[in-house]
Amino acid sequence: MDIGTDAPLKKDWMILADLIARDVRSGVFAPGMWLKQIDLEQRYGYGRPDVRRALDYLAQKRLVQHVPNRGYHVFLPDGEQTAHILELRVILETAAVDSIVTRATPAAIKRLRDLARHFDDAILNGTVLDQYEANLAFHRELLGLCSNPELLNLVTELRGRTSSALAGQWSTRARVEQSSREHHAMIEALSAGDALRLKEIIALHIRQPQRV
């Protein structure tokens, strides 16, 4: 999770929020799992005030949920809500395609190819968290080509509300390999300047968690 502040300026609770978010999204903390503050203090080496501020922040981002008098647990969206958010992402990300195609220089396409290969390497040799970070880097680079920077911020926010555990998103090896193929297909469409094809692949890619 990108807190939105340069790393040297981050306060301790912001750094801790990043660490918890990564563990949530990599599947260390499963959807619905309760997060005991004392356990988090011991795991990350931070004090109670920083743990509480980090959890409150993540609750605002809907990565965790606060239940009064009980504590915090990893956010567990219902299926209908997830479907609505994924469709909203389809609308936003496909709407950005025309701008992305216009701004895609050869250098930008090369960066995307390098990031797609990095994701492939993570599939073969890395952890689930490595795969998550490589995947996120690819999509940030792609959406970063859009002329509207707020779109990237909004999509990042929406992503955090639907995929709290990456292991759930990529439940099989076949699914993560399909994601890789779609990354490369996006690059080929972008390189060809084929906006319509790129929109089709992006829509398919976003809806992937809904496919059996």
C-alpha atoms as a PDB file:
ATOM      1  CA  MET A   1       0.000   0.000   0.000  1.00  0.00           C
ATOM      2  CA  ASP A   2       1.345   3.368  -0.965  1.00  0.00           C
ATOM      3  CA  ILE A   3       0.623   5.762   1.902  1.00  0.00           C
ATOM      4  CA  GLY A   4       1.230   8.687  -0.404  1.00  0.00           C
ATOM      5  CA  THR A   5       4.260  10.076   1.445  1.00  0.00           C
ATOM      6  CA  ASP A   6       7.934   9.828   0.496  1.00  0.00           C
ATOM      7  CA  ALA A   7       9.581   7.085   2.561  1.00  0.00           C
ATOM      8  CA  PRO A   8      12.035   9.378   4.442  1.00  0.00           C
ATOM      9  CA  LEU A   9       9.100  11.465   5.692  1.00  0.00           C
ATOM     10  CA  LYS A  10       6.975   8.576   6.898  1.00  0.00           C
ATOM     11  CA  LYS A  11       6.175   8.329  10.578  1.00  0.00           C
ATOM     12  CA  ASP A  12       6.584   5.006  12.361  1.00  0.00           C
ATOM     13  CA  TRP A  13       2.882   4.167  12.230  1.00  0.00           C
ATOM     14  CA  MET A  14       2.853   4.811   8.466  1.00  0.00           C
ATOM     15  CA  ILE A  15       5.745   2.405   7.941  1.00  0.00           C
ATOM     16  CA  LEU A  16       3.955  -0.154  10.094  1.00  0.00           C
ATOM     17  CA  ALA A  17       0.756   0.292   8.074  1.00  0.00           C
ATOM     18  CA  ASP A  18       2.742  -0.537   4.932  1.00  0.00           C
ATOM     19  CA  LEU A  19       4.155  -3.681   6.544  1.00  0.00           C
ATOM     20  CA  ILE A  20       0.754  -4.920   7.724  1.00  0.00           C
ATOM     21  CA  ALA A  21      -0.814  -4.144   4.350  1.00  0.00           C
ATOM     22  CA  ARG A  22       1.824  -6.180   2.540  1.00  0.00           C
ATOM     23  CA  ASP A  23       1.275  -9.145   4.837  1.00  0.00           C
ATOM     24  CA  VAL A  24      -2.489  -8.901   4.416  1.00  0.00           C
ATOM     25  CA  ARG A  25      -2.284  -8.728   0.662  1.00  0.00           C
ATOM     26  CA  SER A  26       0.266 -11.544   0.433  1.00  0.00           C
ATOM     27  CA  GLY A  27      -2.020 -13.864   2.402  1.00  0.00           C
ATOM     28  CA  VAL A  28      -0.070 -13.944   5.677  1.00  0.00           C
ATOM     29  CA  PHE A  29      -3.240 -12.619   7.312  1.00  0.00           C
ATOM     30  CA  ALA A  30      -6.274 -14.249   5.703  1.00  0.00           C
ATOM     31  CA  PRO A  31      -9.576 -12.444   4.992  1.00  0.00           C
ATOM     32  CA  GLY A  32     -11.648 -12.356   8.170  1.00  0.00           C
ATOM     33  CA  MET A  33      -8.673 -13.116  10.437  1.00  0.00           C
ATOM     34  CA  TRP A  34      -8.573 -11.182  13.704  1.00  0.00           C
ATOM     35  CA  LEU A  35      -5.472  -9.032  14.258  1.00  0.00           C
ATOM     36  CA  LYS A  36      -4.489  -8.943  17.928  1.00  0.00           C
ATOM     37  CA  GLN A  37      -2.588  -5.802  18.768  1.00  0.00           C
ATOM     38  CA  ILE A  38      -0.175  -7.547  21.117  1.00  0.00           C
ATOM     39  CA  ASP A  39       0.676 -10.066  18.380  1.00  0.00           C
ATOM     40  CA  LEU A  40       1.355  -7.234  15.930  1.00  0.00           C
ATOM     41  CA  GLU A  41       3.579  -5.488  18.476  1.00  0.00           C
ATOM     42  CA  GLN A  42       5.671  -8.622  18.832  1.00  0.00           C
ATOM     43  CA  ARG A  43       5.742  -9.439  15.114  1.00  0.00           C
ATOM     44  CA  TYR A  44       6.830  -5.994  13.904  1.00  0.00           C
ATOM     45  CA  GLY A  45       8.571  -4.556  16.948  1.00  0.00           C
ATOM     46  CA  TYR A  46       6.381  -1.442  17.285  1.00  0.00           C
ATOM     47  CA  GLY A  47       4.606  -0.065  20.353  1.00  0.00           C
ATOM     48  CA  ARG A  48       0.868  -0.068  21.036  1.00  0.00           C
ATOM     49  CA  PRO A  49       0.225   3.561  19.912  1.00  0.00           C
ATOM     50  CA  ASP A  50       1.815   2.952  16.492  1.00  0.00           C
ATOM     51  CA  VAL A  51      -0.040  -0.340  16.075  1.00  0.00           C
ATOM     52  CA  ARG A  52      -3.354   1.317  16.885  1.00  0.00           C
ATOM     53  CA  ARG A  53      -2.774   4.243  14.486  1.00  0.00           C
ATOM     54  CA  ALA A  54      -1.709   1.861  11.736  1.00  0.00           C
ATOM     55  CA  LEU A  55      -4.829  -0.265  12.203  1.00  0.00           C
ATOM     56  CA  ASP A  56      -7.077   2.801  12.258  1.00  0.00           C
ATOM     57  CA  TYR A  57      -5.520   3.975   8.990  1.00  0.00           C
ATOM     58  CA  LEU A  58      -5.949   0.567   7.346  1.00  0.00           C
ATOM     59  CA  ALA A  59      -9.556   0.527   8.524  1.00  0.00           C
ATOM     60  CA  GLN A  60     -10.095   3.836   6.702  1.00  0.00           C
ATOM     61  CA  LYS A  61      -8.686   2.176   3.580  1.00  0.00           C
ATOM     62  CA  ARG A  62     -10.964  -0.840   4.140  1.00  0.00           C
ATOM     63  CA  LEU A  63      -8.098  -3.275   4.260  1.00  0.00           C
ATOM     64  CA  VAL A  64      -9.073  -4.130   7.832  1.00  0.00           C
ATOM     65  CA  GLN A  65     -12.341  -3.643   9.688  1.00  0.00           C
ATOM     66  CA  HIS A  66     -12.823  -2.359  13.239  1.00  0.00           C
ATOM     67  CA  VAL A  67     -15.512  -3.981  15.359  1.00  0.00           C
ATOM     68  CA  PRO A  68     -16.228  -1.964  18.535  1.00  0.00           C
ATOM     69  CA  ASN A  69     -15.335  -3.795  21.743  1.00  0.00           C
ATOM     70  CA  ARG A  70     -13.793  -6.667  19.781  1.00  0.00           C
ATOM     71  CA  GLY A  71     -10.880  -5.329  17.755  1.00  0.00           C
ATOM     72  CA  TYR A  72      -9.761  -5.474  14.140  1.00  0.00           C
ATOM     73  CA  HIS A  73      -9.976  -8.161  11.506  1.00  0.00           C
ATOM     74  CA  VAL A  74      -8.889  -8.374   7.876  1.00  0.00           C
ATOM     75  CA  PHE A  75     -11.589  -6.923   5.650  1.00  0.00           C
ATOM     76  CA  LEU A  76     -13.775  -9.550   4.013  1.00  0.00           C
ATOM     77  CA  PRO A  77     -15.914  -8.045   1.228  1.00  0.00           C
ATOM     78  CA  ASP A  78     -18.974  -9.915   0.085  1.00  0.00           C
ATOM     79  CA  GLY A  79     -19.166 -11.307  -3.409  1.00  0.00           C
ATOM     80  CA  GLU A  80     -21.657  -8.769  -4.677  1.00  0.00           C
ATOM     81  CA  GLN A  81     -19.581  -5.832  -3.467  1.00  0.00           C
ATOM     82  CA  THR A  82     -16.450  -7.299  -5.038  1.00  0.00           C
ATOM     83  CA  ALA A  83     -18.221  -7.714  -8.376  1.00  0.00           C
ATOM     84  CA  HIS A  84     -19.381  -4.085  -8.294  1.00  0.00           C
ATOM     85  CA  ILE A  85     -15.871  -2.812  -7.536  1.00  0.00           C
ATOM     86  CA  LEU A  86     -14.302  -4.921 -10.272  1.00  0.00           C
ATOM     87  CA  GLU A  87     -16.782  -3.550 -12.789  1.00  0.00           C
ATOM     88  CA  LEU A  88     -15.966  -0.033 -11.641  1.00  0.00           C
ATOM     89  CA  ARG A  89     -12.302  -0.779 -12.271  1.00  0.00           C
ATOM     90  CA  VAL A  90     -13.155  -2.016 -15.752  1.00  0.00           C
ATOM     91  CA  ILE A  91     -14.913   1.280 -16.485  1.00  0.00           C
ATOM     92  CA  LEU A  92     -12.042   3.410 -15.177  1.00  0.00           C
ATOM     93  CA  GLU A  93      -9.117   1.476 -16.609  1.00  0.00           C
ATOM     94  CA  THR A  94     -10.585   0.978 -20.071  1.00  0.00           C
ATOM     95  CA  ALA A  95     -11.507   4.674 -20.164  1.00  0.00           C
ATOM     96  CA  ALA A  96      -7.818   5.465 -19.653  1.00  0.00           C
ATOM     97  CA  VAL A  97      -6.675   3.368 -22.618  1.00  0.00           C
ATOM     98  CA  ASP A  98      -6.902   6.037 -25.319  1.00  0.00           C
ATOM     99  CA  SER A  99      -4.655   8.306 -23.276  1.00  0.00           C
ATOM    100  CA  ILE A 100      -2.274   5.438 -22.508  1.00  0.00           C
ATOM    101  CA  VAL A 101      -1.931   4.520 -26.174  1.00  0.00           C
ATOM    102  CA  THR A 102      -1.256   8.138 -27.127  1.00  0.00           C
ATOM    103  CA  ARG A 103       1.479   8.526 -24.496  1.00  0.00           C
ATOM    104  CA  ALA A 104       3.153   5.112 -24.946  1.00  0.00           C
ATOM    105  CA  THR A 105       6.668   5.862 -26.172  1.00  0.00           C
ATOM    106  CA  PRO A 106       9.103   3.089 -27.163  1.00  0.00           C
ATOM    107  CA  ALA A 107      10.899   3.653 -23.868  1.00  0.00           C
ATOM    108  CA  ALA A 108       7.645   3.230 -21.925  1.00  0.00           C
ATOM    109  CA  ILE A 109       6.844   0.015 -23.768  1.00  0.00           C
ATOM    110  CA  LYS A 110      10.325  -1.311 -22.989  1.00  0.00           C
ATOM    111  CA  ARG A 111       9.797  -0.580 -19.282  1.00  0.00           C
ATOM    112  CA  LEU A 112       6.534  -2.519 -19.412  1.00  0.00           C
ATOM    113  CA  ARG A 113       8.228  -5.465 -21.118  1.00  0.00           C
ATOM    114  CA  ASP A 114      10.907  -5.499 -18.433  1.00  0.00           C
ATOM    115  CA  LEU A 115       8.280  -5.427 -15.684  1.00  0.00           C
ATOM    116  CA  ALA A 116       6.278  -8.209 -17.342  1.00  0.00           C
ATOM    117  CA  ARG A 117       9.431 -10.348 -17.470  1.00  0.00           C
ATOM    118  CA  HIS A 118      10.093  -9.558 -13.825  1.00  0.00           C
ATOM    119  CA  PHE A 119       6.622 -10.886 -13.002  1.00  0.00           C
ATOM    120  CA  ASP A 120       7.366 -14.038 -15.006  1.00  0.00           C
ATOM    121  CA  ASP A 121      10.553 -14.536 -13.015  1.00  0.00           C
ATOM    122  CA  ALA A 122       8.628 -14.095  -9.766  1.00  0.00           C
ATOM    123  CA  ILE A 123       6.258 -16.865 -10.832  1.00  0.00           C
ATOM    124  CA  LEU A 124       9.171 -19.227 -11.392  1.00  0.00           C
ATOM    125  CA  ASN A 125      11.477 -18.253  -8.558  1.00  0.00           C
ATOM    126  CA  GLY A 126       9.727 -15.868  -6.158  1.00  0.00           C
ATOM    127  CA  THR A 127       7.240 -15.889  -3.325  1.00  0.00           C
ATOM    128  CA  VAL A 128       3.581 -14.910  -3.513  1.00  0.00           C
ATOM    129  CA  LEU A 129       4.576 -11.495  -2.181  1.00  0.00           C
ATOM    130  CA  ASP A 130       7.213 -11.182  -4.919  1.00  0.00           C
ATOM    131  CA  GLN A 131       4.515 -11.935  -7.474  1.00  0.00           C
ATOM    132  CA  TYR A 132       2.164  -9.391  -5.919  1.00  0.00           C
ATOM    133  CA  GLU A 133       4.777  -6.630  -5.939  1.00  0.00           C
ATOM    134  CA  ALA A 134       5.848  -7.398  -9.514  1.00  0.00           C
ATOM    135  CA  ASN A 135       2.234  -7.428 -10.673  1.00  0.00           C
ATOM    136  CA  LEU A 136       1.508  -4.134  -8.946  1.00  0.00           C
ATOM    137  CA  ALA A 137       4.611  -2.535 -10.469  1.00  0.00           C
ATOM    138  CA  PHE A 138       3.471  -3.548 -13.963  1.00  0.00           C
ATOM    139  CA  HIS A 139      -0.003  -2.097 -13.520  1.00  0.00           C
ATOM    140  CA  ARG A 140       1.271   1.104 -11.946  1.00  0.00           C
ATOM    141  CA  GLU A 141       3.576   1.632 -14.901  1.00  0.00           C
ATOM    142  CA  LEU A 142       0.764   0.970 -17.379  1.00  0.00           C
ATOM    143  CA  LEU A 143      -1.790   3.236 -15.699  1.00  0.00           C
ATOM    144  CA  GLY A 144       0.913   5.809 -15.044  1.00  0.00           C
ATOM    145  CA  LEU A 145       0.922   6.503 -18.775  1.00  0.00           C
ATOM    146  CA  CYS A 146      -2.567   7.982 -18.467  1.00  0.00           C
ATOM    147  CA  SER A 147      -2.661  11.775 -18.577  1.00  0.00           C
ATOM    148  CA  ASN A 148      -4.816  11.858 -15.413  1.00  0.00           C
ATOM    149  CA  PRO A 149      -2.677  10.882 -12.385  1.00  0.00           C
ATOM    150  CA  GLU A 150      -5.714  10.731 -10.100  1.00  0.00           C
ATOM    151  CA  LEU A 151      -6.932   7.691 -11.992  1.00  0.00           C
ATOM    152  CA  LEU A 152      -3.941   5.690 -10.743  1.00  0.00           C
ATOM    153  CA  ASN A 153      -4.659   6.778  -7.162  1.00  0.00           C
ATOM    154  CA  LEU A 154      -8.313   5.831  -7.452  1.00  0.00           C
ATOM    155  CA  VAL A 155      -7.623   2.426  -8.993  1.00  0.00           C
ATOM    156  CA  THR A 156      -5.042   1.706  -6.280  1.00  0.00           C
ATOM    157  CA  GLU A 157      -7.684   2.506  -3.681  1.00  0.00           C
ATOM    158  CA  LEU A 158     -10.240   0.253  -5.354  1.00  0.00           C
ATOM    159  CA  ARG A 159      -7.734  -2.567  -5.680  1.00  0.00           C
ATOM    160  CA  GLY A 160      -7.202  -2.470  -1.927  1.00  0.00           C
ATOM    161  CA  ARG A 161     -10.929  -3.017  -1.370  1.00  0.00           C
ATOM    162  CA  THR A 162     -11.182  -6.236  -3.350  1.00  0.00           C
ATOM    163  CA  SER A 163      -7.948  -8.204  -3.103  1.00  0.00           C
ATOM    164  CA  SER A 164      -7.003  -8.264   0.551  1.00  0.00           C
ATOM    165  CA  ALA A 165      -5.346 -11.664   0.162  1.00  0.00           C
ATOM    166  CA  LEU A 166      -3.387 -12.233  -2.997  1.00  0.00           C
ATOM    167  CA  ALA A 167      -3.424 -15.971  -2.480  1.00  0.00           C
ATOM    168  CA  GLY A 168      -7.187 -15.804  -2.898  1.00  0.00           C
ATOM    169  CA  GLN A 169      -6.896 -13.849  -6.127  1.00  0.00           C
ATOM    170  CA  TRP A 170      -4.424 -16.330  -7.619  1.00  0.00           C
ATOM    171  CA  SER A 171      -5.749 -19.580  -6.210  1.00  0.00           C
ATOM    172  CA  THR A 172      -4.007 -21.773  -8.791  1.00  0.00           C
ATOM    173  CA  ARG A 173      -0.744 -21.780 -10.729  1.00  0.00           C
ATOM    174  CA  ALA A 174      -2.761 -21.783 -13.949  1.00  0.00           C
ATOM    175  CA  ARG A 175      -4.451 -18.538 -12.952  1.00  0.00           C
ATOM    176  CA  VAL A 176      -1.251 -16.662 -12.178  1.00  0.00           C
ATOM    177  CA  GLU A 177       0.264 -17.894 -15.441  1.00  0.00           C
ATOM    178  CA  GLN A 178      -2.821 -16.622 -17.254  1.00  0.00           C
ATOM    179  CA  SER A 179      -2.199 -13.222 -15.664  1.00  0.00           C
ATOM    180  CA  SER A 180       1.306 -13.291 -17.099  1.00  0.00           C
ATOM    181  CA  ARG A 181       0.035 -14.048 -20.593  1.00  0.00           C
ATOM    182  CA  GLU A 182      -2.431 -11.193 -20.328  1.00  0.00           C
ATOM    183  CA  HIS A 183       0.364  -8.800 -19.320  1.00  0.00           C
ATOM    184  CA  HIS A 184       2.257  -9.648 -22.490  1.00  0.00           C
ATOM    185  CA  ALA A 185      -0.907  -9.410 -24.589  1.00  0.00           C
ATOM    186  CA  MET A 186      -1.492  -5.900 -23.211  1.00  0.00           C
ATOM    187  CA  ILE A 187       2.010  -4.886 -24.255  1.00  0.00           C
ATOM    188  CA  GLU A 188       1.553  -6.244 -27.764  1.00  0.00           C
ATOM    189  CA  ALA A 189      -1.748  -4.375 -28.170  1.00  0.00           C
ATOM    190  CA  LEU A 190      -0.151  -1.202 -26.833  1.00  0.00           C
ATOM    191  CA  SER A 191       2.845  -1.575 -29.119  1.00  0.00           C
ATOM    192  CA  ALA A 192       0.494  -1.959 -32.091  1.00  0.00           C
ATOM    193  CA  GLY A 193      -1.542   1.071 -31.031  1.00  0.00           C
ATOM    194  CA  ASP A 194      -4.648  -1.135 -30.864  1.00  0.00           C
ATOM    195  CA  ALA A 195      -6.751   0.617 -28.223  1.00  0.00           C
ATOM    196  CA  LEU A 196      -9.795  -1.612 -28.735  1.00  0.00           C
ATOM    197  CA  ARG A 197      -7.791  -4.793 -28.193  1.00  0.00           C
ATOM    198  CA  LEU A 198      -6.077  -3.329 -25.143  1.00  0.00           C
ATOM    199  CA  LYS A 199      -9.458  -2.473 -23.617  1.00  0.00           C
ATOM    200  CA  GLU A 200     -10.662  -6.041 -24.183  1.00  0.00           C
ATOM    201  CA  ILE A 201      -7.606  -7.562 -22.507  1.00  0.00           C
ATOM    202  CA  ILE A 202      -7.745  -5.187 -19.541  1.00  0.00           C
ATOM    203  CA  ALA A 203     -11.413  -5.981 -18.950  1.00  0.00           C
ATOM    204  CA  LEU A 204     -10.694  -9.713 -19.093  1.00  0.00           C
ATOM    205  CA  HIS A 205      -7.707  -9.298 -16.786  1.00  0.00           C
ATOM    206  CA  ILE A 206      -9.656  -7.403 -14.122  1.00  0.00           C
ATOM    207  CA  ARG A 207     -12.507  -9.906 -14.152  1.00  0.00           C
ATOM    208  CA  GLN A 208     -10.081 -12.804 -13.781  1.00  0.00           C
ATOM    209  CA  PRO A 209     -10.824 -13.388 -10.054  1.00  0.00           C
ATOM    210  CA  GLN A 210     -14.444 -14.049 -11.044  1.00  0.00           C
ATOM    211  CA  ARG A 211     -13.515 -16.793 -13.505  1.00  0.00           C
ATOM    212  CA  VAL A 212     -13.559 -20.421 -12.407  1.00  0.00           C
END
